[in-house]
Amino acid sequence: MKIKFFIYRYNSQKKEKLKYDSFDVPYNKGMTVLDVITYIYKHLDPTLAFRYECRQGICGTCGVMLNKKPVLSCSTQINPTLETQMIEPLANFPVEKDLIVNLEPILKKYERIKPYLDKIHKVIITKKKSNESKAFRKCIECGNCIAGVPELEKTLKGCMDPMSLVKIARYLTDPRDGLDRKAMAKKGGIDKYSNELGKKLSLVCPRGIPIDEAIALLKK
């Protein structure tokens, strides 16, 4: 059985008009999105550009849009009941080439929130207290939450992205951190994030991070 995949093609350096190329890929049980992409690269079109590293859903570099939904390509299996499917680069990021997006703009914004312990307090942390930040520490900075928010272009324009909010919540729940993280989130437009949007973001996260809880925590 073969499945037809429409793949997004674009080269920012050549300023080519974007297009979609179609490829018929033989399906194997358990096949992932990354398996499809590498098959196309190895057997059908060696010019296809894409990014991946660990193949274990940990590094966060292989994010793409599968049928308009952000996924980690290495850990997302193909649905064989769909005869045609679409693979695109992550939404809300500038595209460099094909499935590779430019992460530099978002990472520069990320630096502003100081994603590390600062003005450190020397305290003894109990296991119970440590567990408060455990869920937020799972973030691998893959950008899927950013790609899963169409509102970023309109309602949330100019606001802090959800990936940054999760990192802020991570340090807010760490008693060693001395920065006013809630004030940082307030300045970043946390109030524009609704509870409903938070739940949608939680469903998008490939690591199962409760982004809605992070938003609620920062709003308190």
Protein backbone atom coordinates (compact mmCIF):
# COMPACT_ATOMS: atom_id res chain seq x y z
CA MET A 1 0.00 0.00 0.00
CA LYS A 2 1.21 3.48 -0.86
CA ILE A 3 0.20 6.82 0.62
CA LYS A 4 0.49 10.09 -1.31
CA PHE A 5 2.27 12.84 0.63
CA PHE A 6 2.25 16.49 -0.36
CA ILE A 7 5.47 18.11 0.86
CA TYR A 8 5.99 21.85 1.28
CA ARG A 9 8.88 23.15 -0.86
CA TYR A 10 10.48 26.58 -0.56
CA ASN A 11 13.97 28.09 -0.61
CA SER A 12 14.27 31.50 1.05
CA GLN A 13 17.73 32.15 -0.43
CA LYS A 14 16.48 31.74 -3.98
CA LYS A 15 13.18 33.47 -3.16
CA GLU A 16 11.32 30.79 -5.04
CA LYS A 17 7.55 30.66 -5.01
CA LEU A 18 6.43 28.02 -2.54
CA LYS A 19 4.91 24.84 -3.93
CA TYR A 20 3.90 21.35 -2.88
CA ASP A 21 5.52 18.29 -4.42
CA SER A 22 3.69 14.95 -4.22
CA PHE A 23 5.37 11.63 -3.46
CA ASP A 24 3.94 8.11 -3.29
CA VAL A 25 5.49 6.40 -0.27
CA PRO A 26 5.07 2.68 0.55
CA TYR A 27 3.50 2.31 3.99
CA ASN A 28 4.93 0.03 6.67
CA LYS A 29 3.21 -0.62 9.99
CA GLY A 30 4.43 1.77 12.68
CA MET A 31 5.94 4.16 10.13
CA THR A 32 6.64 7.62 11.55
CA VAL A 33 6.54 10.99 9.83
CA LEU A 34 10.34 11.08 9.93
CA ASP A 35 10.43 7.65 8.25
CA VAL A 36 8.36 9.12 5.41
CA ILE A 37 10.61 12.17 5.08
CA THR A 38 13.82 10.13 5.09
CA TYR A 39 12.35 7.68 2.56
CA ILE A 40 11.59 10.56 0.20
CA TYR A 41 15.10 11.96 0.75
CA LYS A 42 16.87 8.65 0.15
CA HIS A 43 14.77 7.22 -2.68
CA LEU A 44 12.83 10.00 -4.40
CA ASP A 45 14.32 13.47 -3.91
CA PRO A 46 17.75 14.04 -2.28
CA THR A 47 17.24 17.82 -2.38
CA LEU A 48 14.55 17.75 0.32
CA ALA A 49 15.71 19.76 3.34
CA PHE A 50 14.67 18.76 6.86
CA ARG A 51 16.06 18.68 10.39
CA TYR A 52 16.36 15.94 13.00
CA GLU A 53 18.82 14.60 15.58
CA CYS A 54 17.95 12.11 18.32
CA ARG A 55 14.98 10.20 16.83
CA GLN A 56 13.71 9.68 20.40
CA GLY A 57 11.42 12.67 20.93
CA ILE A 58 13.89 14.39 23.23
CA CYS A 59 15.96 16.90 21.23
CA GLY A 60 12.96 18.78 19.84
CA THR A 61 14.53 19.55 16.46
CA CYS A 62 12.26 17.53 14.14
CA GLY A 63 8.97 19.40 14.52
CA VAL A 64 6.76 19.70 11.43
CA MET A 65 3.10 20.18 10.61
CA LEU A 66 1.31 16.93 9.73
CA ASN A 67 -2.09 17.62 8.17
CA LYS A 68 -2.02 21.11 9.76
CA LYS A 69 -1.14 19.86 13.25
CA PRO A 70 2.30 20.34 14.87
CA VAL A 71 4.08 17.08 15.71
CA LEU A 72 7.52 15.68 16.43
CA SER A 73 8.18 13.78 13.22
CA CYS A 74 10.34 11.11 14.88
CA SER A 75 7.68 10.00 17.38
CA THR A 76 4.45 10.49 15.43
CA GLN A 77 3.13 7.51 13.49
CA ILE A 78 1.35 7.84 10.16
CA ASN A 79 -2.39 7.14 10.02
CA PRO A 80 -2.71 4.54 7.23
CA THR A 81 -6.44 5.24 6.75
CA LEU A 82 -5.68 8.59 5.08
CA GLU A 83 -4.82 8.11 1.42
CA THR A 84 -3.35 11.60 1.03
CA GLN A 85 -1.48 13.56 3.68
CA MET A 86 0.44 16.82 3.96
CA ILE A 87 3.75 17.63 5.63
CA GLU A 88 4.75 21.27 6.13
CA PRO A 89 7.25 23.27 8.22
CA LEU A 90 6.15 24.45 11.67
CA ALA A 91 3.66 27.30 11.51
CA ASN A 92 4.45 30.76 12.93
CA PHE A 93 8.16 30.44 12.07
CA PRO A 94 9.98 31.90 9.04
CA VAL A 95 10.90 29.12 6.61
CA GLU A 96 14.51 28.74 5.51
CA LYS A 97 14.13 25.80 3.15
CA ASP A 98 11.43 23.16 2.74
CA LEU A 99 10.75 21.73 6.23
CA ILE A 100 13.48 23.71 8.01
CA VAL A 101 12.41 26.83 9.90
CA ASN A 102 14.52 29.69 11.25
CA LEU A 103 14.54 29.46 15.06
CA GLU A 104 16.75 32.53 15.60
CA PRO A 105 13.95 35.13 16.02
CA ILE A 106 12.11 33.10 18.65
CA LEU A 107 15.33 32.19 20.48
CA LYS A 108 16.32 35.86 20.69
CA LYS A 109 12.98 36.60 22.35
CA TYR A 110 13.55 33.57 24.57
CA GLU A 111 16.78 35.08 25.88
CA ARG A 112 14.89 38.07 27.25
CA ILE A 113 13.05 35.97 29.84
CA LYS A 114 16.38 34.76 31.29
CA PRO A 115 15.64 31.03 30.94
CA TYR A 116 17.91 30.08 33.81
CA LEU A 117 18.12 30.53 37.57
CA ASP A 118 18.99 34.13 38.44
CA LYS A 119 19.61 36.00 41.71
CA ILE A 120 19.84 32.58 43.27
CA HIS A 121 18.61 31.95 46.83
CA LYS A 122 20.46 29.29 48.80
CA VAL A 123 17.65 27.13 50.10
CA ILE A 124 17.01 23.49 50.90
CA ILE A 125 14.41 22.09 48.50
CA THR A 126 12.11 19.30 49.60
CA LYS A 127 10.96 16.62 47.18
CA LYS A 128 7.42 18.00 47.41
CA LYS A 129 8.61 21.48 46.48
CA SER A 130 10.80 20.14 43.69
CA ASN A 131 7.84 18.31 42.17
CA GLU A 132 6.00 21.62 41.67
CA SER A 133 8.25 22.41 38.72
CA LYS A 134 8.62 18.82 37.47
CA ALA A 135 5.95 19.02 34.73
CA PHE A 136 7.36 22.27 33.37
CA ARG A 137 10.91 20.89 33.33
CA LYS A 138 9.82 18.44 30.63
CA CYS A 139 9.85 21.18 27.99
CA ILE A 140 12.30 20.37 25.16
CA GLU A 141 11.80 23.74 23.43
CA CYS A 142 10.54 22.13 20.23
CA GLY A 143 8.25 25.04 19.31
CA ASN A 144 5.19 22.86 18.72
CA CYS A 145 3.13 24.98 21.10
CA ILE A 146 4.05 28.09 19.12
CA ALA A 147 3.08 26.39 15.86
CA GLY A 148 -0.22 25.30 17.39
CA VAL A 149 -1.47 28.80 18.15
CA PRO A 150 -3.08 30.52 15.13
CA GLU A 151 -3.94 33.36 17.51
CA LEU A 152 -0.27 34.43 17.68
CA GLU A 153 -0.69 36.41 14.48
CA LYS A 154 -3.77 38.29 15.71
CA THR A 155 -5.08 38.10 19.28
CA LEU A 156 -1.67 37.41 20.81
CA LYS A 157 0.43 39.57 18.49
CA GLY A 158 3.28 41.09 20.48
CA CYS A 159 2.69 38.76 23.44
CA MET A 160 5.12 36.28 24.93
CA ASP A 161 4.94 32.86 23.27
CA PRO A 162 3.72 29.79 25.22
CA MET A 163 7.15 28.17 25.23
CA SER A 164 8.48 31.14 27.18
CA LEU A 165 5.53 31.05 29.56
CA VAL A 166 6.25 27.42 30.42
CA LYS A 167 9.87 28.28 31.16
CA ILE A 168 8.81 31.19 33.37
CA ALA A 169 6.44 28.90 35.27
CA ARG A 170 9.29 26.43 35.69
CA TYR A 171 11.40 29.04 37.52
CA LEU A 172 8.47 30.57 39.38
CA THR A 173 8.01 27.18 41.07
CA ASP A 174 11.71 26.92 41.93
CA PRO A 175 12.45 28.59 45.31
CA ARG A 176 16.06 29.17 44.31
CA ASP A 177 15.10 31.71 41.63
CA GLY A 178 15.08 35.36 42.72
CA LEU A 179 13.44 37.10 39.76
CA ASP A 180 9.86 38.39 39.72
CA ARG A 181 8.61 35.90 37.16
CA LYS A 182 4.94 36.89 37.51
CA ALA A 183 5.77 40.50 36.65
CA MET A 184 7.71 39.22 33.65
CA ALA A 185 4.68 37.23 32.48
CA LYS A 186 2.37 40.18 33.09
CA LYS A 187 4.55 42.40 30.93
CA GLY A 188 4.57 39.66 28.29
CA GLY A 189 0.78 39.70 27.93
CA ILE A 190 -0.19 36.67 30.02
CA ASP A 191 -3.67 38.14 30.55
CA LYS A 192 -4.47 37.67 26.86
CA TYR A 193 -4.13 33.90 27.24
CA SER A 194 -7.52 32.37 27.99
CA ASN A 195 -8.05 29.13 29.92
CA GLU A 196 -9.53 27.60 26.77
CA LEU A 197 -6.40 28.42 24.77
CA GLY A 198 -4.26 26.99 27.55
CA LYS A 199 -6.09 23.66 27.27
CA LYS A 200 -5.63 23.62 23.48
CA LEU A 201 -1.91 24.22 23.94
CA SER A 202 -1.67 21.39 26.45
CA LEU A 203 -3.13 19.00 23.87
CA VAL A 204 -0.60 20.16 21.25
CA CYS A 205 2.46 19.64 23.47
CA PRO A 206 4.21 16.36 22.53
CA ARG A 207 5.59 16.07 26.07
CA GLY A 208 2.21 16.41 27.74
CA ILE A 209 3.12 19.58 29.61
CA PRO A 210 0.06 21.17 31.29
CA ILE A 211 0.47 24.56 29.65
CA ASP A 212 -2.97 25.58 30.93
CA GLU A 213 -1.70 25.08 34.49
CA ALA A 214 1.37 27.19 33.75
CA ILE A 215 -0.84 30.00 32.45
CA ALA A 216 -3.18 29.77 35.45
CA LEU A 217 -0.20 29.83 37.82
CA LEU A 218 1.27 32.94 36.22
CA LYS A 219 -2.10 34.70 36.26
CA LYS A 220 -2.57 34.28 40.04
